[in-house]
């Protein structure tokens, strides 16, 4: 099976084998058209970003088809949800995929991301899942695989970075980003989690800055602070070349690392677990369970 999602920073395609409630990843492809900052600025995807996103969609699908799959599910999230021209974009995207690109609702996105993460990371005690995206963050409080509470916060790595940070960031810019992020974090659900598990592009790419040979599965507060120093030291293009990151990824990481530090502080923890599972795995599990109604 394959799952494609159009997010605020990225367009992803995952090819995986799904059986018995488990997802075995086979291949993963990503492009970064960064719709979120444009939608946040203008309220629209617009012709230029739409063209970039459709080209990204064609690219990841072409590579996924070379791996091979029998079933494709496709969805779009925060940036497309907020865009006034979303219907036009979804129609074009659906023509490219050959299957409907479903607009995933806020609560359903949280449920799908949680399903993908919980399949591997569910804890026996109360735990917290964070899905940090380019335009928003979904927080889910859980016991085992049971959702206790959830919130969507307008905390997006790409949108915050585009609004506040230069390349590289200037003195005082991080303070302004942090001030806004703290205000937005006030909407988080009350909890006392034993652990925090984070999925999304920031969580999965930050470990590369710490070690390219043995990317850590745990990120401590100190490791995040060291990564932040690396991210701010030189221009993004130099870092993307050095750490083999997708063009556009460093700017999103600069915003995302600040959100992760604030989440840890808010949760009263000093480390987080990185999950490479999330929305796309949840989409595939939901399709196996519900068929074409997977997105409802």
C-alpha atoms as a PDB file:
ATOM      1  CA  UNK A   1       0.000   0.000   0.000  1.00  0.00           C
ATOM      2  CA  UNK A   2       0.977   3.646  -0.337  1.00  0.00           C
ATOM      3  CA  UNK A   3      -0.051   6.783   1.541  1.00  0.00           C
ATOM      4  CA  UNK A   4       0.460  10.327   0.285  1.00  0.00           C
ATOM      5  CA  UNK A   5      -0.120  13.450   2.355  1.00  0.00           C
ATOM      6  CA  UNK A   6       0.154  17.115   1.470  1.00  0.00           C
ATOM      7  CA  UNK A   7       1.204  19.007   4.583  1.00  0.00           C
ATOM      8  CA  UNK A   8       2.167  22.579   5.417  1.00  0.00           C
ATOM      9  CA  UNK A   9       5.895  22.009   4.812  1.00  0.00           C
ATOM     10  CA  UNK A  10       6.029  18.781   2.858  1.00  0.00           C
ATOM     11  CA  UNK A  11       4.536  16.320   0.424  1.00  0.00           C
ATOM     12  CA  UNK A  12       5.233  12.730   1.498  1.00  0.00           C
ATOM     13  CA  UNK A  13       4.730   9.313  -0.064  1.00  0.00           C
ATOM     14  CA  UNK A  14       5.096   6.163   2.030  1.00  0.00           C
ATOM     15  CA  UNK A  15       5.110   2.652   0.572  1.00  0.00           C
ATOM     16  CA  UNK A  16       4.494  -0.023   3.173  1.00  0.00           C
ATOM     17  CA  UNK A  17       3.270  -3.538   3.835  1.00  0.00           C
ATOM     18  CA  UNK A  18       0.262  -3.570   6.170  1.00  0.00           C
ATOM     19  CA  UNK A  19      -0.869  -6.710   7.967  1.00  0.00           C
ATOM     20  CA  UNK A  20      -2.306  -7.625  11.352  1.00  0.00           C
ATOM     21  CA  UNK A  21      -2.454  -4.053  12.587  1.00  0.00           C
ATOM     22  CA  UNK A  22       1.233  -3.469  11.853  1.00  0.00           C
ATOM     23  CA  UNK A  23       2.896  -1.301   9.224  1.00  0.00           C
ATOM     24  CA  UNK A  24       6.263  -2.261   7.749  1.00  0.00           C
ATOM     25  CA  UNK A  25       7.762   0.721   5.928  1.00  0.00           C
ATOM     26  CA  UNK A  26       9.350  -0.150   2.581  1.00  0.00           C
ATOM     27  CA  UNK A  27      10.159   3.254   1.076  1.00  0.00           C
ATOM     28  CA  UNK A  28       9.590   6.908   1.881  1.00  0.00           C
ATOM     29  CA  UNK A  29       9.877   9.938  -0.408  1.00  0.00           C
ATOM     30  CA  UNK A  30       9.502  13.627   0.431  1.00  0.00           C
ATOM     31  CA  UNK A  31       9.524  17.055  -1.228  1.00  0.00           C
ATOM     32  CA  UNK A  32       9.188  20.468   0.451  1.00  0.00           C
ATOM     33  CA  UNK A  33       6.994  22.967  -1.414  1.00  0.00           C
ATOM     34  CA  UNK A  34       6.201  24.736   1.908  1.00  0.00           C
ATOM     35  CA  UNK A  35       2.574  25.723   1.405  1.00  0.00           C
ATOM     36  CA  UNK A  36       2.064  26.796   5.023  1.00  0.00           C
ATOM     37  CA  UNK A  37       3.871  30.164   5.060  1.00  0.00           C
ATOM     38  CA  UNK A  38       2.136  31.234   1.822  1.00  0.00           C
ATOM     39  CA  UNK A  39      -1.304  30.299   3.153  1.00  0.00           C
ATOM     40  CA  UNK A  40      -0.566  32.020   6.475  1.00  0.00           C
ATOM     41  CA  UNK A  41       0.478  35.182   4.613  1.00  0.00           C
ATOM     42  CA  UNK A  42      -2.201  35.377   1.904  1.00  0.00           C
ATOM     43  CA  UNK A  43      -4.954  32.917   2.858  1.00  0.00           C
ATOM     44  CA  UNK A  44      -4.437  31.141  -0.468  1.00  0.00           C
ATOM     45  CA  UNK A  45      -2.215  28.452  -1.962  1.00  0.00           C
ATOM     46  CA  UNK A  46      -2.099  30.504  -5.163  1.00  0.00           C
ATOM     47  CA  UNK A  47      -0.908  29.515  -8.645  1.00  0.00           C
ATOM     48  CA  UNK A  48       2.831  29.503  -7.882  1.00  0.00           C
ATOM     49  CA  UNK A  49       2.700  27.341  -4.750  1.00  0.00           C
ATOM     50  CA  UNK A  50       0.017  25.149  -6.285  1.00  0.00           C
ATOM     51  CA  UNK A  51       2.323  24.447  -9.225  1.00  0.00           C
ATOM     52  CA  UNK A  52       5.202  23.634  -6.848  1.00  0.00           C
ATOM     53  CA  UNK A  53       3.046  21.322  -4.730  1.00  0.00           C
ATOM     54  CA  UNK A  54       1.634  19.485  -7.758  1.00  0.00           C
ATOM     55  CA  UNK A  55       5.172  19.004  -9.092  1.00  0.00           C
ATOM     56  CA  UNK A  56       6.208  17.664  -5.666  1.00  0.00           C
ATOM     57  CA  UNK A  57       3.223  15.315  -5.683  1.00  0.00           C
ATOM     58  CA  UNK A  58       4.168  14.001  -9.132  1.00  0.00           C
ATOM     59  CA  UNK A  59       7.764  13.489  -7.975  1.00  0.00           C
ATOM     60  CA  UNK A  60       7.016  11.456  -4.844  1.00  0.00           C
ATOM     61  CA  UNK A  61       4.353   9.404  -6.635  1.00  0.00           C
ATOM     62  CA  UNK A  62       6.685   8.599  -9.520  1.00  0.00           C
ATOM     63  CA  UNK A  63       9.293   7.242  -7.112  1.00  0.00           C
ATOM     64  CA  UNK A  64       6.686   5.353  -5.094  1.00  0.00           C
ATOM     65  CA  UNK A  65       5.360   3.705  -8.264  1.00  0.00           C
ATOM     66  CA  UNK A  66       8.856   2.496  -9.067  1.00  0.00           C
ATOM     67  CA  UNK A  67       8.789   0.599  -5.758  1.00  0.00           C
ATOM     68  CA  UNK A  68       5.274  -0.617  -6.535  1.00  0.00           C
ATOM     69  CA  UNK A  69       1.983  -0.664  -4.628  1.00  0.00           C
ATOM     70  CA  UNK A  70      -1.543  -2.003  -5.076  1.00  0.00           C
ATOM     71  CA  UNK A  71      -3.556   0.579  -3.142  1.00  0.00           C
ATOM     72  CA  UNK A  72      -3.107   4.330  -2.702  1.00  0.00           C
ATOM     73  CA  UNK A  73      -4.681   6.597  -0.090  1.00  0.00           C
ATOM     74  CA  UNK A  74      -4.125  10.353  -0.211  1.00  0.00           C
ATOM     75  CA  UNK A  75      -4.903  13.244   2.117  1.00  0.00           C
ATOM     76  CA  UNK A  76      -4.174  16.896   2.811  1.00  0.00           C
ATOM     77  CA  UNK A  77      -3.904  18.680   6.147  1.00  0.00           C
ATOM     78  CA  UNK A  78      -3.496  22.104   7.768  1.00  0.00           C
ATOM     79  CA  UNK A  79      -2.281  24.386   4.973  1.00  0.00           C
ATOM     80  CA  UNK A  80      -4.880  23.088   2.515  1.00  0.00           C
ATOM     81  CA  UNK A  81      -7.602  23.190   5.201  1.00  0.00           C
ATOM     82  CA  UNK A  82      -6.957  26.915   5.722  1.00  0.00           C
ATOM     83  CA  UNK A  83      -6.687  27.896   2.054  1.00  0.00           C
ATOM     84  CA  UNK A  84      -9.680  29.580   0.412  1.00  0.00           C
ATOM     85  CA  UNK A  85      -8.705  27.932  -2.892  1.00  0.00           C
ATOM     86  CA  UNK A  86      -8.538  24.434  -1.377  1.00  0.00           C
ATOM     87  CA  UNK A  87     -11.245  22.927  -3.594  1.00  0.00           C
ATOM     88  CA  UNK A  88      -9.391  23.886  -6.754  1.00  0.00           C
ATOM     89  CA  UNK A  89      -6.145  22.485  -5.371  1.00  0.00           C
ATOM     90  CA  UNK A  90      -7.714  19.220  -4.201  1.00  0.00           C
ATOM     91  CA  UNK A  91      -9.255  18.702  -7.635  1.00  0.00           C
ATOM     92  CA  UNK A  92      -5.879  19.133  -9.345  1.00  0.00           C
ATOM     93  CA  UNK A  93      -4.123  16.935  -6.810  1.00  0.00           C
ATOM     94  CA  UNK A  94      -6.733  14.188  -7.223  1.00  0.00           C
ATOM     95  CA  UNK A  95      -6.186  14.195 -10.985  1.00  0.00           C
ATOM     96  CA  UNK A  96      -2.458  13.617 -10.390  1.00  0.00           C
ATOM     97  CA  UNK A  97      -2.919  10.795  -7.884  1.00  0.00           C
ATOM     98  CA  UNK A  98      -5.775   9.087  -9.711  1.00  0.00           C
ATOM     99  CA  UNK A  99      -7.607   8.773  -6.374  1.00  0.00           C
ATOM    100  CA  UNK A 100      -9.438  11.387  -4.263  1.00  0.00           C
ATOM    101  CA  UNK A 101      -7.120  13.507  -2.138  1.00  0.00           C
ATOM    102  CA  UNK A 102      -9.198  13.771   1.033  1.00  0.00           C
ATOM    103  CA  UNK A 103      -9.175  16.868   3.200  1.00  0.00           C
ATOM    104  CA  UNK A 104      -8.486  15.422   6.646  1.00  0.00           C
ATOM    105  CA  UNK A 105     -10.270  17.201   9.506  1.00  0.00           C
ATOM    106  CA  UNK A 106      -8.426  18.471  12.556  1.00  0.00           C
ATOM    107  CA  UNK A 107      -9.629  15.778  14.952  1.00  0.00           C
ATOM    108  CA  UNK A 108      -9.236  13.016  12.395  1.00  0.00           C
ATOM    109  CA  UNK A 109      -5.640  14.094  11.720  1.00  0.00           C
ATOM    110  CA  UNK A 110      -4.880  13.795  15.430  1.00  0.00           C
ATOM    111  CA  UNK A 111      -6.521  10.342  15.546  1.00  0.00           C
ATOM    112  CA  UNK A 112      -4.625   9.079  12.500  1.00  0.00           C
ATOM    113  CA  UNK A 113      -1.265  10.376  13.696  1.00  0.00           C
ATOM    114  CA  UNK A 114      -1.903   8.840  17.102  1.00  0.00           C
ATOM    115  CA  UNK A 115      -2.797   5.461  15.558  1.00  0.00           C
ATOM    116  CA  UNK A 116       0.479   5.423  13.638  1.00  0.00           C
ATOM    117  CA  UNK A 117       2.570   6.415  16.663  1.00  0.00           C
ATOM    118  CA  UNK A 118       0.741   4.258  19.227  1.00  0.00           C
ATOM    119  CA  UNK A 119       1.232   1.094  17.160  1.00  0.00           C
ATOM    120  CA  UNK A 120       4.899   1.262  18.253  1.00  0.00           C
ATOM    121  CA  UNK A 121       5.201   3.698  21.146  1.00  0.00           C
ATOM    122  CA  UNK A 122       2.104   3.340  23.348  1.00  0.00           C
ATOM    123  CA  UNK A 123       3.001   3.485  27.033  1.00  0.00           C
ATOM    124  CA  UNK A 124       1.235   1.809  29.949  1.00  0.00           C
ATOM    125  CA  UNK A 125       1.139   5.015  31.997  1.00  0.00           C
ATOM    126  CA  UNK A 126      -0.204   8.347  30.815  1.00  0.00           C
ATOM    127  CA  UNK A 127       1.824   9.597  27.860  1.00  0.00           C
ATOM    128  CA  UNK A 128       1.700  12.454  25.402  1.00  0.00           C
ATOM    129  CA  UNK A 129       1.969  12.354  21.618  1.00  0.00           C
ATOM    130  CA  UNK A 130       2.949  15.466  19.724  1.00  0.00           C
ATOM    131  CA  UNK A 131       2.608  15.686  15.943  1.00  0.00           C
ATOM    132  CA  UNK A 132       4.611  18.793  15.059  1.00  0.00           C
ATOM    133  CA  UNK A 133       3.864  19.918  11.515  1.00  0.00           C
ATOM    134  CA  UNK A 134       4.602  22.949   9.426  1.00  0.00           C
ATOM    135  CA  UNK A 135       1.347  24.738  10.215  1.00  0.00           C
ATOM    136  CA  UNK A 136       0.058  23.177  13.435  1.00  0.00           C
ATOM    137  CA  UNK A 137       0.758  20.773  16.274  1.00  0.00           C
ATOM    138  CA  UNK A 138      -1.630  18.057  17.403  1.00  0.00           C
ATOM    139  CA  UNK A 139      -1.262  16.947  21.029  1.00  0.00           C
ATOM    140  CA  UNK A 140      -2.873  13.715  22.240  1.00  0.00           C
ATOM    141  CA  UNK A 141      -2.970  12.596  25.876  1.00  0.00           C
ATOM    142  CA  UNK A 142      -3.323   8.808  26.127  1.00  0.00           C
ATOM    143  CA  UNK A 143      -3.302   5.757  28.350  1.00  0.00           C
ATOM    144  CA  UNK A 144      -1.958   2.889  26.283  1.00  0.00           C
ATOM    145  CA  UNK A 145      -3.757   3.073  22.926  1.00  0.00           C
ATOM    146  CA  UNK A 146      -6.754   4.966  24.359  1.00  0.00           C
ATOM    147  CA  UNK A 147      -7.048   8.693  23.678  1.00  0.00           C
ATOM    148  CA  UNK A 148      -7.923  10.670  26.805  1.00  0.00           C
ATOM    149  CA  UNK A 149      -7.796  14.202  25.385  1.00  0.00           C
ATOM    150  CA  UNK A 150      -6.479  16.027  22.329  1.00  0.00           C
ATOM    151  CA  UNK A 151      -5.878  19.573  21.135  1.00  0.00           C
ATOM    152  CA  UNK A 152      -4.802  21.214  17.922  1.00  0.00           C
ATOM    153  CA  UNK A 153      -2.502  24.183  18.467  1.00  0.00           C
ATOM    154  CA  UNK A 154      -1.579  26.716  15.734  1.00  0.00           C
ATOM    155  CA  UNK A 155       2.102  25.978  16.455  1.00  0.00           C
ATOM    156  CA  UNK A 156       3.724  25.219  13.121  1.00  0.00           C
ATOM    157  CA  UNK A 157       7.468  24.913  12.568  1.00  0.00           C
ATOM    158  CA  UNK A 158       7.436  26.364   9.062  1.00  0.00           C
ATOM    159  CA  UNK A 159       4.972  29.175   9.739  1.00  0.00           C
ATOM    160  CA  UNK A 160       6.764  30.294  12.930  1.00  0.00           C
ATOM    161  CA  UNK A 161      10.181  30.191  11.260  1.00  0.00           C
ATOM    162  CA  UNK A 162       9.002  32.116   8.183  1.00  0.00           C
ATOM    163  CA  UNK A 163       7.434  34.775  10.403  1.00  0.00           C
ATOM    164  CA  UNK A 164      10.276  35.312  12.869  1.00  0.00           C
ATOM    165  CA  UNK A 165      13.648  33.946  11.676  1.00  0.00           C
ATOM    166  CA  UNK A 166      16.194  35.240   9.178  1.00  0.00           C
ATOM    167  CA  UNK A 167      18.764  32.984   7.499  1.00  0.00           C
ATOM    168  CA  UNK A 168      20.689  32.563   9.731  1.00  0.00           C
ATOM    169  CA  UNK A 169      18.653  33.975  12.629  1.00  0.00           C
ATOM    170  CA  UNK A 170      19.573  37.397  14.012  1.00  0.00           C
ATOM    171  CA  UNK A 171      19.885  38.213  17.732  1.00  0.00           C
ATOM    172  CA  UNK A 172      16.472  38.663  19.319  1.00  0.00           C
ATOM    173  CA  UNK A 173      14.515  36.785  16.663  1.00  0.00           C
ATOM    174  CA  UNK A 174      14.325  33.550  18.635  1.00  0.00           C
ATOM    175  CA  UNK A 175      13.032  35.456  21.633  1.00  0.00           C
ATOM    176  CA  UNK A 176      10.163  36.818  19.527  1.00  0.00           C
ATOM    177  CA  UNK A 177       9.370  33.338  18.166  1.00  0.00           C
ATOM    178  CA  UNK A 178       9.483  31.869  21.670  1.00  0.00           C
ATOM    179  CA  UNK A 179       7.149  34.553  23.021  1.00  0.00           C
ATOM    180  CA  UNK A 180       4.496  33.754  20.400  1.00  0.00           C
ATOM    181  CA  UNK A 181       4.934  29.990  20.811  1.00  0.00           C
ATOM    182  CA  UNK A 182       4.486  30.196  24.596  1.00  0.00           C
ATOM    183  CA  UNK A 183       1.202  32.041  24.080  1.00  0.00           C
ATOM    184  CA  UNK A 184      -0.037  29.426  21.608  1.00  0.00           C
ATOM    185  CA  UNK A 185       1.017  26.573  23.905  1.00  0.00           C
ATOM    186  CA  UNK A 186      -1.431  27.844  26.518  1.00  0.00           C
ATOM    187  CA  UNK A 187      -4.138  25.829  24.742  1.00  0.00           C
ATOM    188  CA  UNK A 188      -2.468  22.471  25.450  1.00  0.00           C
ATOM    189  CA  UNK A 189      -4.480  19.813  27.339  1.00  0.00           C
ATOM    190  CA  UNK A 190      -3.775  19.300  31.035  1.00  0.00           C
ATOM    191  CA  UNK A 191      -1.717  16.182  31.734  1.00  0.00           C
ATOM    192  CA  UNK A 192       1.218  14.741  33.678  1.00  0.00           C
ATOM    193  CA  UNK A 193       2.802  12.460  31.086  1.00  0.00           C
ATOM    194  CA  UNK A 194       5.380   9.833  31.914  1.00  0.00           C
ATOM    195  CA  UNK A 195       6.822  10.290  28.439  1.00  0.00           C
ATOM    196  CA  UNK A 196       6.536  12.490  25.364  1.00  0.00           C
ATOM    197  CA  UNK A 197       6.635  10.944  21.877  1.00  0.00           C
ATOM    198  CA  UNK A 198       6.953  13.324  18.923  1.00  0.00           C
ATOM    199  CA  UNK A 199       6.371  12.650  15.242  1.00  0.00           C
ATOM    200  CA  UNK A 200       6.724  14.908  12.205  1.00  0.00           C
ATOM    201  CA  UNK A 201       9.543  16.313  10.118  1.00  0.00           C
ATOM    202  CA  UNK A 202      11.314  18.171  12.916  1.00  0.00           C
ATOM    203  CA  UNK A 203      11.474  15.123  15.181  1.00  0.00           C
ATOM    204  CA  UNK A 204      12.668  12.781  12.435  1.00  0.00           C
ATOM    205  CA  UNK A 205      15.327  15.121  11.008  1.00  0.00           C
ATOM    206  CA  UNK A 206      16.855  16.691  14.129  1.00  0.00           C
ATOM    207  CA  UNK A 207      18.656  13.436  15.074  1.00  0.00           C
ATOM    208  CA  UNK A 208      20.767  13.832  11.898  1.00  0.00           C
ATOM    209  CA  UNK A 209      22.299  16.990  13.354  1.00  0.00           C
ATOM    210  CA  UNK A 210      23.318  15.054  16.454  1.00  0.00           C
ATOM    211  CA  UNK A 211      24.727  12.000  14.655  1.00  0.00           C
ATOM    212  CA  UNK A 212      24.509  11.111  10.968  1.00  0.00           C
ATOM    213  CA  UNK A 213      25.790   7.594  11.600  1.00  0.00           C
ATOM    214  CA  UNK A 214      23.673   6.635  14.656  1.00  0.00           C
ATOM    215  CA  UNK A 215      20.684   8.963  14.856  1.00  0.00           C
ATOM    216  CA  UNK A 216      19.404   8.856  18.463  1.00  0.00           C
ATOM    217  CA  UNK A 217      15.886   7.653  19.276  1.00  0.00           C
ATOM    218  CA  UNK A 218      15.828   9.941  22.323  1.00  0.00           C
ATOM    219  CA  UNK A 219      16.419  13.701  22.241  1.00  0.00           C
ATOM    220  CA  UNK A 220      17.338  15.349  25.536  1.00  0.00           C
ATOM    221  CA  UNK A 221      16.963  19.035  26.316  1.00  0.00           C
ATOM    222  CA  UNK A 222      20.730  19.437  26.077  1.00  0.00           C
ATOM    223  CA  UNK A 223      20.831  17.691  22.689  1.00  0.00           C
ATOM    224  CA  UNK A 224      18.097  20.007  21.381  1.00  0.00           C
ATOM    225  CA  UNK A 225      20.001  23.070  22.599  1.00  0.00           C
ATOM    226  CA  UNK A 226      23.161  21.846  20.827  1.00  0.00           C
ATOM    227  CA  UNK A 227      21.153  21.236  17.659  1.00  0.00           C
ATOM    228  CA  UNK A 228      19.720  24.748  17.914  1.00  0.00           C
ATOM    229  CA  UNK A 229      23.241  26.198  18.050  1.00  0.00           C
ATOM    230  CA  UNK A 230      24.197  24.271  14.897  1.00  0.00           C
ATOM    231  CA  UNK A 231      21.034  25.388  13.103  1.00  0.00           C
ATOM    232  CA  UNK A 232      21.688  29.059  13.830  1.00  0.00           C
ATOM    233  CA  UNK A 233      25.436  29.107  13.096  1.00  0.00           C
ATOM    234  CA  UNK A 234      25.486  29.280   9.289  1.00  0.00           C
ATOM    235  CA  UNK A 235      23.070  29.756   6.330  1.00  0.00           C
ATOM    236  CA  UNK A 236      20.497  27.046   5.673  1.00  0.00           C
ATOM    237  CA  UNK A 237      21.934  25.970   2.298  1.00  0.00           C
ATOM    238  CA  UNK A 238      25.283  25.127   3.913  1.00  0.00           C
ATOM    239  CA  UNK A 239      23.643  23.038   6.644  1.00  0.00           C
ATOM    240  CA  UNK A 240      21.371  21.214   4.196  1.00  0.00           C
ATOM    241  CA  UNK A 241      24.405  20.203   2.163  1.00  0.00           C
ATOM    242  CA  UNK A 242      26.435  19.204   5.228  1.00  0.00           C
ATOM    243  CA  UNK A 243      23.706  17.080   6.814  1.00  0.00           C
ATOM    244  CA  UNK A 244      22.049  15.829   3.616  1.00  0.00           C
ATOM    245  CA  UNK A 245      18.751  17.535   4.370  1.00  0.00           C
ATOM    246  CA  UNK A 246      15.948  18.380   1.940  1.00  0.00           C
ATOM    247  CA  UNK A 247      16.051  21.973   0.609  1.00  0.00           C
ATOM    248  CA  UNK A 248      13.877  24.066   2.907  1.00  0.00           C
ATOM    249  CA  UNK A 249      14.206  21.682   5.843  1.00  0.00           C
ATOM    250  CA  UNK A 250      16.619  23.755   7.939  1.00  0.00           C
ATOM    251  CA  UNK A 251      14.283  26.735   8.200  1.00  0.00           C
ATOM    252  CA  UNK A 252      11.493  24.455   9.458  1.00  0.00           C
ATOM    253  CA  UNK A 253      13.898  22.790  11.905  1.00  0.00           C
ATOM    254  CA  UNK A 254      14.840  26.182  13.314  1.00  0.00           C
ATOM    255  CA  UNK A 255      11.230  26.818  14.231  1.00  0.00           C
ATOM    256  CA  UNK A 256      10.524  23.234  15.241  1.00  0.00           C
ATOM    257  CA  UNK A 257      13.383  22.842  17.706  1.00  0.00           C
ATOM    258  CA  UNK A 258      12.044  25.790  19.702  1.00  0.00           C
ATOM    259  CA  UNK A 259       8.587  24.203  19.875  1.00  0.00           C
ATOM    260  CA  UNK A 260      10.097  20.909  21.088  1.00  0.00           C
ATOM    261  CA  UNK A 261      12.058  22.677  23.838  1.00  0.00           C
ATOM    262  CA  UNK A 262       8.898  24.428  24.999  1.00  0.00           C
ATOM    263  CA  UNK A 263       6.906  21.170  24.918  1.00  0.00           C
ATOM    264  CA  UNK A 264       9.472  19.444  27.111  1.00  0.00           C
ATOM    265  CA  UNK A 265       9.477  22.313  29.580  1.00  0.00           C
ATOM    266  CA  UNK A 266       5.660  22.391  29.668  1.00  0.00           C
ATOM    267  CA  UNK A 267       5.456  18.604  30.185  1.00  0.00           C
ATOM    268  CA  UNK A 268       8.072  18.694  32.953  1.00  0.00           C
ATOM    269  CA  UNK A 269      10.344  16.276  31.086  1.00  0.00           C
ATOM    270  CA  UNK A 270      13.970  16.392  29.986  1.00  0.00           C
ATOM    271  CA  UNK A 271      13.792  14.102  26.954  1.00  0.00           C
ATOM    272  CA  UNK A 272      11.465  13.035  24.172  1.00  0.00           C
ATOM    273  CA  UNK A 273      11.089   9.886  22.084  1.00  0.00           C
ATOM    274  CA  UNK A 274      11.348  10.242  18.316  1.00  0.00           C
ATOM    275  CA  UNK A 275       8.672   8.453  16.283  1.00  0.00           C
ATOM    276  CA  UNK A 276       9.165   7.850  12.570  1.00  0.00           C
ATOM    277  CA  UNK A 277       5.595   6.561  12.522  1.00  0.00           C
ATOM    278  CA  UNK A 278       2.667   8.953  12.337  1.00  0.00           C
ATOM    279  CA  UNK A 279       0.004  10.240   9.987  1.00  0.00           C
ATOM    280  CA  UNK A 280       0.804   8.121   6.923  1.00  0.00           C
ATOM    281  CA  UNK A 281       0.997   4.872   8.886  1.00  0.00           C
ATOM    282  CA  UNK A 282      -2.277   5.822  10.558  1.00  0.00           C
ATOM    283  CA  UNK A 283      -3.875   6.453   7.159  1.00  0.00           C
ATOM    284  CA  UNK A 284      -2.935   2.958   6.004  1.00  0.00           C
ATOM    285  CA  UNK A 285      -4.168   1.304   9.194  1.00  0.00           C
ATOM    286  CA  UNK A 286      -7.441   3.223   8.913  1.00  0.00           C
ATOM    287  CA  UNK A 287      -7.920   2.140   5.297  1.00  0.00           C
ATOM    288  CA  UNK A 288      -7.445  -1.488   6.297  1.00  0.00           C
ATOM    289  CA  UNK A 289     -10.103  -1.018   8.970  1.00  0.00           C
ATOM    290  CA  UNK A 290     -12.639   1.253   7.220  1.00  0.00           C
ATOM    291  CA  UNK A 291     -11.903   1.129   3.493  1.00  0.00           C
ATOM    292  CA  UNK A 292     -12.803   4.316   1.596  1.00  0.00           C
ATOM    293  CA  UNK A 293     -14.169   5.896   4.784  1.00  0.00           C
ATOM    294  CA  UNK A 294     -10.668   5.924   6.321  1.00  0.00           C
ATOM    295  CA  UNK A 295     -10.554   9.736   6.431  1.00  0.00           C
ATOM    296  CA  UNK A 296     -13.911  10.340   8.186  1.00  0.00           C
END
